[in-house]
Structures are given as C-alpha cells and as structure tokens.
C-alpha atoms as a PDB file:
ATOM      1  CA  UNK A   1      12.120  10.131  26.745  1.00  0.00           C
ATOM      2  CA  UNK A   2      12.956  12.455  23.835  1.00  0.00           C
ATOM      3  CA  UNK A   3      14.020   9.460  21.736  1.00  0.00           C
ATOM      4  CA  UNK A   4      10.484   8.129  22.025  1.00  0.00           C
ATOM      5  CA  UNK A   5       9.247  11.317  20.368  1.00  0.00           C
ATOM      6  CA  UNK A   6      11.901  11.442  17.657  1.00  0.00           C
ATOM      7  CA  UNK A   7      15.007   9.252  17.244  1.00  0.00           C
ATOM      8  CA  UNK A   8      18.143  11.332  17.719  1.00  0.00           C
ATOM      9  CA  UNK A   9      16.715  13.895  20.150  1.00  0.00           C
ATOM     10  CA  UNK A  10      17.844  11.892  23.190  1.00  0.00           C
ATOM     11  CA  UNK A  11      21.375  11.786  21.808  1.00  0.00           C
ATOM     12  CA  UNK A  12      21.351  15.542  21.225  1.00  0.00           C
ATOM     13  CA  UNK A  13      20.177  16.016  24.809  1.00  0.00           C
ATOM     14  CA  UNK A  14      23.036  13.745  25.970  1.00  0.00           C
ATOM     15  CA  UNK A  15      25.459  15.921  23.958  1.00  0.00           C
ATOM     16  CA  UNK A  16      26.229  13.144  21.447  1.00  0.00           C
ATOM     17  CA  UNK A  17      25.771  15.506  18.533  1.00  0.00           C
ATOM     18  CA  UNK A  18      27.145  13.421  15.663  1.00  0.00           C
ATOM     19  CA  UNK A  19      25.111  10.283  16.382  1.00  0.00           C
ATOM     20  CA  UNK A  20      22.092  12.451  17.243  1.00  0.00           C
ATOM     21  CA  UNK A  21      22.212  14.194  13.873  1.00  0.00           C
ATOM     22  CA  UNK A  22      22.849  10.903  12.047  1.00  0.00           C
ATOM     23  CA  UNK A  23      19.866   9.239  13.770  1.00  0.00           C
ATOM     24  CA  UNK A  24      17.680  12.271  13.106  1.00  0.00           C
ATOM     25  CA  UNK A  25      18.618  12.274   9.416  1.00  0.00           C
ATOM     26  CA  UNK A  26      18.047   8.514   9.185  1.00  0.00           C
ATOM     27  CA  UNK A  27      14.653   8.893  10.856  1.00  0.00           C
ATOM     28  CA  UNK A  28      13.612  11.621   8.429  1.00  0.00           C
ATOM     29  CA  UNK A  29      14.845   9.579   5.444  1.00  0.00           C
ATOM     30  CA  UNK A  30      13.086   6.375   6.493  1.00  0.00           C
ATOM     31  CA  UNK A  31       9.963   8.322   7.436  1.00  0.00           C
ATOM     32  CA  UNK A  32       9.741  10.013   4.036  1.00  0.00           C
ATOM     33  CA  UNK A  33      10.704   6.947   1.988  1.00  0.00           C
ATOM     34  CA  UNK A  34       8.218   4.679   3.791  1.00  0.00           C
ATOM     35  CA  UNK A  35       5.399   7.286   3.702  1.00  0.00           C
ATOM     36  CA  UNK A  36       5.119   6.780   7.464  1.00  0.00           C
ATOM     37  CA  UNK A  37       3.398  10.049   8.368  1.00  0.00           C
ATOM     38  CA  UNK A  38       0.715   9.556   5.716  1.00  0.00           C
ATOM     39  CA  UNK A  39       0.292   5.933   6.794  1.00  0.00           C
ATOM     40  CA  UNK A  40      -0.121   7.007  10.439  1.00  0.00           C
ATOM     41  CA  UNK A  41      -2.788   9.560   9.502  1.00  0.00           C
ATOM     42  CA  UNK A  42      -4.672   7.060   7.328  1.00  0.00           C
ATOM     43  CA  UNK A  43      -4.484   4.411  10.064  1.00  0.00           C
ATOM     44  CA  UNK A  44      -5.838   6.713  12.749  1.00  0.00           C
ATOM     45  CA  UNK A  45      -8.623   7.762  10.389  1.00  0.00           C
ATOM     46  CA  UNK A  46      -9.545   4.093  10.006  1.00  0.00           C
ATOM     47  CA  UNK A  47      -8.542   3.762   6.346  1.00  0.00           C
ATOM     48  CA  UNK A  48      -6.291   0.752   6.877  1.00  0.00           C
ATOM     49  CA  UNK A  49      -6.534  -0.600   3.329  1.00  0.00           C
ATOM     50  CA  UNK A  50      -5.252   2.686   1.881  1.00  0.00           C
ATOM     51  CA  UNK A  51      -2.549   2.787   4.566  1.00  0.00           C
ATOM     52  CA  UNK A  52      -1.402  -0.682   3.466  1.00  0.00           C
ATOM     53  CA  UNK A  53      -1.339   0.439  -0.183  1.00  0.00           C
ATOM     54  CA  UNK A  54       0.649   3.595   0.592  1.00  0.00           C
ATOM     55  CA  UNK A  55       3.247   1.871   2.784  1.00  0.00           C
ATOM     56  CA  UNK A  56       6.673   1.256   1.346  1.00  0.00           C
ATOM     57  CA  UNK A  57       7.489  -1.870   3.346  1.00  0.00           C
ATOM     58  CA  UNK A  58      11.084  -2.054   2.094  1.00  0.00           C
ATOM     59  CA  UNK A  59      11.781   1.204   3.938  1.00  0.00           C
ATOM     60  CA  UNK A  60       9.389   0.773   6.857  1.00  0.00           C
ATOM     61  CA  UNK A  61      11.161  -2.395   7.960  1.00  0.00           C
ATOM     62  CA  UNK A  62      14.186  -0.263   8.922  1.00  0.00           C
ATOM     63  CA  UNK A  63      12.156   1.904  11.284  1.00  0.00           C
ATOM     64  CA  UNK A  64      11.781  -0.433  14.312  1.00  0.00           C
ATOM     65  CA  UNK A  65      15.526  -1.060  14.621  1.00  0.00           C
ATOM     66  CA  UNK A  66      16.333   2.615  14.158  1.00  0.00           C
ATOM     67  CA  UNK A  67      13.659   3.616  16.673  1.00  0.00           C
ATOM     68  CA  UNK A  68      14.653   1.155  19.393  1.00  0.00           C
ATOM     69  CA  UNK A  69      18.388   1.641  18.866  1.00  0.00           C
ATOM     70  CA  UNK A  70      17.924   5.384  19.353  1.00  0.00           C
ATOM     71  CA  UNK A  71      15.958   4.778  22.551  1.00  0.00           C
ATOM     72  CA  UNK A  72      18.511   2.279  23.867  1.00  0.00           C
ATOM     73  CA  UNK A  73      21.466   4.500  23.039  1.00  0.00           C
ATOM     74  CA  UNK A  74      19.905   7.514  24.762  1.00  0.00           C
ATOM     75  CA  UNK A  75      18.837   5.359  27.731  1.00  0.00           C
ATOM     76  CA  UNK A  76      22.314   3.900  28.315  1.00  0.00           C
ATOM     77  CA  UNK A  77      23.966   7.328  28.106  1.00  0.00           C
ATOM     78  CA  UNK A  78      21.512   9.107  30.382  1.00  0.00           C
ATOM     79  CA  UNK A  79      22.587   9.824  33.944  1.00  0.00           C
ATOM     80  CA  UNK A  80      22.573   6.817  36.213  1.00  0.00           C
ATOM     81  CA  UNK A  81      23.750   3.252  35.989  1.00  0.00           C
ATOM     82  CA  UNK A  82      22.559   0.992  33.170  1.00  0.00           C
ATOM     83  CA  UNK A  83      21.376  -2.347  34.584  1.00  0.00           C
ATOM     84  CA  UNK A  84      22.885  -5.552  33.165  1.00  0.00           C
ATOM     85  CA  UNK A  85      21.058  -6.959  30.138  1.00  0.00           C
ATOM     86  CA  UNK A  86      18.721  -3.958  30.001  1.00  0.00           C
ATOM     87  CA  UNK A  87      19.227  -3.909  26.224  1.00  0.00           C
ATOM     88  CA  UNK A  88      17.172  -7.096  25.791  1.00  0.00           C
ATOM     89  CA  UNK A  89      13.685  -5.507  25.888  1.00  0.00           C
ATOM     90  CA  UNK A  90      14.820  -2.972  23.280  1.00  0.00           C
ATOM     91  CA  UNK A  91      16.215  -5.668  20.973  1.00  0.00           C
ATOM     92  CA  UNK A  92      13.215  -7.960  21.219  1.00  0.00           C
ATOM     93  CA  UNK A  93      10.796  -5.052  20.802  1.00  0.00           C
ATOM     94  CA  UNK A  94      12.589  -4.048  17.604  1.00  0.00           C
ATOM     95  CA  UNK A  95      12.497  -7.650  16.377  1.00  0.00           C
ATOM     96  CA  UNK A  96       8.805  -8.214  17.157  1.00  0.00           C
ATOM     97  CA  UNK A  97       7.867  -4.818  15.734  1.00  0.00           C
ATOM     98  CA  UNK A  98       9.736  -5.646  12.496  1.00  0.00           C
ATOM     99  CA  UNK A  99       7.855  -8.939  12.270  1.00  0.00           C
ATOM    100  CA  UNK A 100       4.661  -6.959  12.893  1.00  0.00           C
ATOM    101  CA  UNK A 101       5.532  -4.700   9.955  1.00  0.00           C
ATOM    102  CA  UNK A 102       6.182  -7.723   7.729  1.00  0.00           C
ATOM    103  CA  UNK A 103       2.799  -9.306   8.448  1.00  0.00           C
ATOM    104  CA  UNK A 104       0.787  -6.109   8.903  1.00  0.00           C
ATOM    105  CA  UNK A 105      -0.909  -6.374   5.520  1.00  0.00           C
ATOM    106  CA  UNK A 106      -2.088  -9.950   6.219  1.00  0.00           C
ATOM    107  CA  UNK A 107      -2.849 -10.537   9.898  1.00  0.00           C
ATOM    108  CA  UNK A 108      -6.269  -9.708  11.248  1.00  0.00           C
ATOM    109  CA  UNK A 109      -7.244  -9.541  14.896  1.00  0.00           C
ATOM    110  CA  UNK A 110     -10.877 -10.507  15.512  1.00  0.00           C
ATOM    111  CA  UNK A 111     -11.544 -10.016  11.797  1.00  0.00           C
ATOM    112  CA  UNK A 112     -10.000  -6.539  11.715  1.00  0.00           C
ATOM    113  CA  UNK A 113      -6.906  -5.747   9.651  1.00  0.00           C
ATOM    114  CA  UNK A 114      -4.665  -3.704  11.940  1.00  0.00           C
ATOM    115  CA  UNK A 115      -2.290  -2.533   9.219  1.00  0.00           C
ATOM    116  CA  UNK A 116       1.237  -1.107   9.212  1.00  0.00           C
ATOM    117  CA  UNK A 117       0.822   1.067  12.310  1.00  0.00           C
ATOM    118  CA  UNK A 118      -1.312  -0.774  14.853  1.00  0.00           C
ATOM    119  CA  UNK A 119      -0.026  -4.357  14.416  1.00  0.00           C
ATOM    120  CA  UNK A 120       3.635  -3.289  14.781  1.00  0.00           C
ATOM    121  CA  UNK A 121       2.744  -1.190  17.832  1.00  0.00           C
ATOM    122  CA  UNK A 122       0.930  -4.139  19.429  1.00  0.00           C
ATOM    123  CA  UNK A 123       3.930  -6.320  18.587  1.00  0.00           C
ATOM    124  CA  UNK A 124       6.034  -4.287  21.013  1.00  0.00           C
ATOM    125  CA  UNK A 125       4.194  -5.892  23.940  1.00  0.00           C
ATOM    126  CA  UNK A 126       5.453  -9.445  23.363  1.00  0.00           C
ATOM    127  CA  UNK A 127       8.890  -8.007  22.600  1.00  0.00           C
ATOM    128  CA  UNK A 128       9.009  -6.318  25.986  1.00  0.00           C
ATOM    129  CA  UNK A 129       7.675  -9.423  27.731  1.00  0.00           C
ATOM    130  CA  UNK A 130      10.289 -11.683  26.120  1.00  0.00           C
ATOM    131  CA  UNK A 131      13.075  -9.178  26.863  1.00  0.00           C
ATOM    132  CA  UNK A 132      12.153  -8.767  30.534  1.00  0.00           C
ATOM    133  CA  UNK A 133      11.577 -12.514  30.916  1.00  0.00           C
ATOM    134  CA  UNK A 134      15.054 -13.237  29.534  1.00  0.00           C
ATOM    135  CA  UNK A 135      16.583 -10.726  31.960  1.00  0.00           C
ATOM    136  CA  UNK A 136      14.827 -12.497  34.816  1.00  0.00           C
ATOM    137  CA  UNK A 137      15.965 -15.943  33.589  1.00  0.00           C
ATOM    138  CA  UNK A 138      19.569 -14.809  33.080  1.00  0.00           C
ATOM    139  CA  UNK A 139      19.777 -13.113  36.464  1.00  0.00           C
ATOM    140  CA  UNK A 140      18.204 -16.125  38.187  1.00  0.00           C
ATOM    141  CA  UNK A 141      20.568 -18.575  36.464  1.00  0.00           C
ATOM    142  CA  UNK A 142      23.675 -16.509  37.274  1.00  0.00           C
ATOM    143  CA  UNK A 143      22.620 -15.986  40.900  1.00  0.00           C
ATOM    144  CA  UNK A 144      22.604 -19.687  41.687  1.00  0.00           C
END
C-alpha cells in the first residue's frame, strides 16, 4: 500500500533498499521534470487548461510505468504467495494510463476536458478490467 502513496516506499518497507531508493529518486525526478505536483493542484482546482499548458508530457509519460512497476514489485515481494499472472492488471493499467496521458490534452468526456490528471486516472479502470479478464481467460484455458 505504501507504493500507492509514493513509489519506492513499499520496497523500503520490504527491505529492498537499493531499488527503493532508486524508485524514490526516479519518482522525484519525473515528478519535478513533468511539473506533476503543480498539474495535480491545478487540475483539482478546475483549471485544466493551465494544467495542460504546464505539463511536460515527455516526462509525464514515464510516470505510469514507474508507478505501476513500483506497486507490482512491492506487491510481489510482500508476505504471502503471488498468484499466477497477477502482474497483468499492473501492466495493462500502466499501458492504459500512459495512453490516457498521451491523449489527455485532446479527449473530452461529455464536453469536459479531463486533462493530464483525471483522464489518466480514469484510464486505469479499463487497464484493470483487461488485466483481470486476461487472467480469467488464461486460467480458464489452462484448466481445460
């Protein structure tokens, strides 16, 4: 759960100090270079057009993969057994969120531009659905 708050914290909790520090430093770098904190504030204040202008998309596109890799890595190393193919929802969420970032300055939902925070966040939902659906399909096809 700590990796949801900040990439790298889950690894530090799992005593994987080197990768935890690397992920934390990468998160801080991408966050600063993409202007993510400012973009989040502007988005939550409803100033989506300024958020789009302030976003450095070249850097922000790295964030979904970094974020979901950190969550997956912490998840698989936490106590307990990691189910087969449980990486799929993480991978597809990262993919769909990256696509959400790419189109976040163009796509409107019901005439509202969602911008570089809300469209990528909403894009996680189909990523999770595809990932869990693939797990179900793979398990069903291997069980028969």
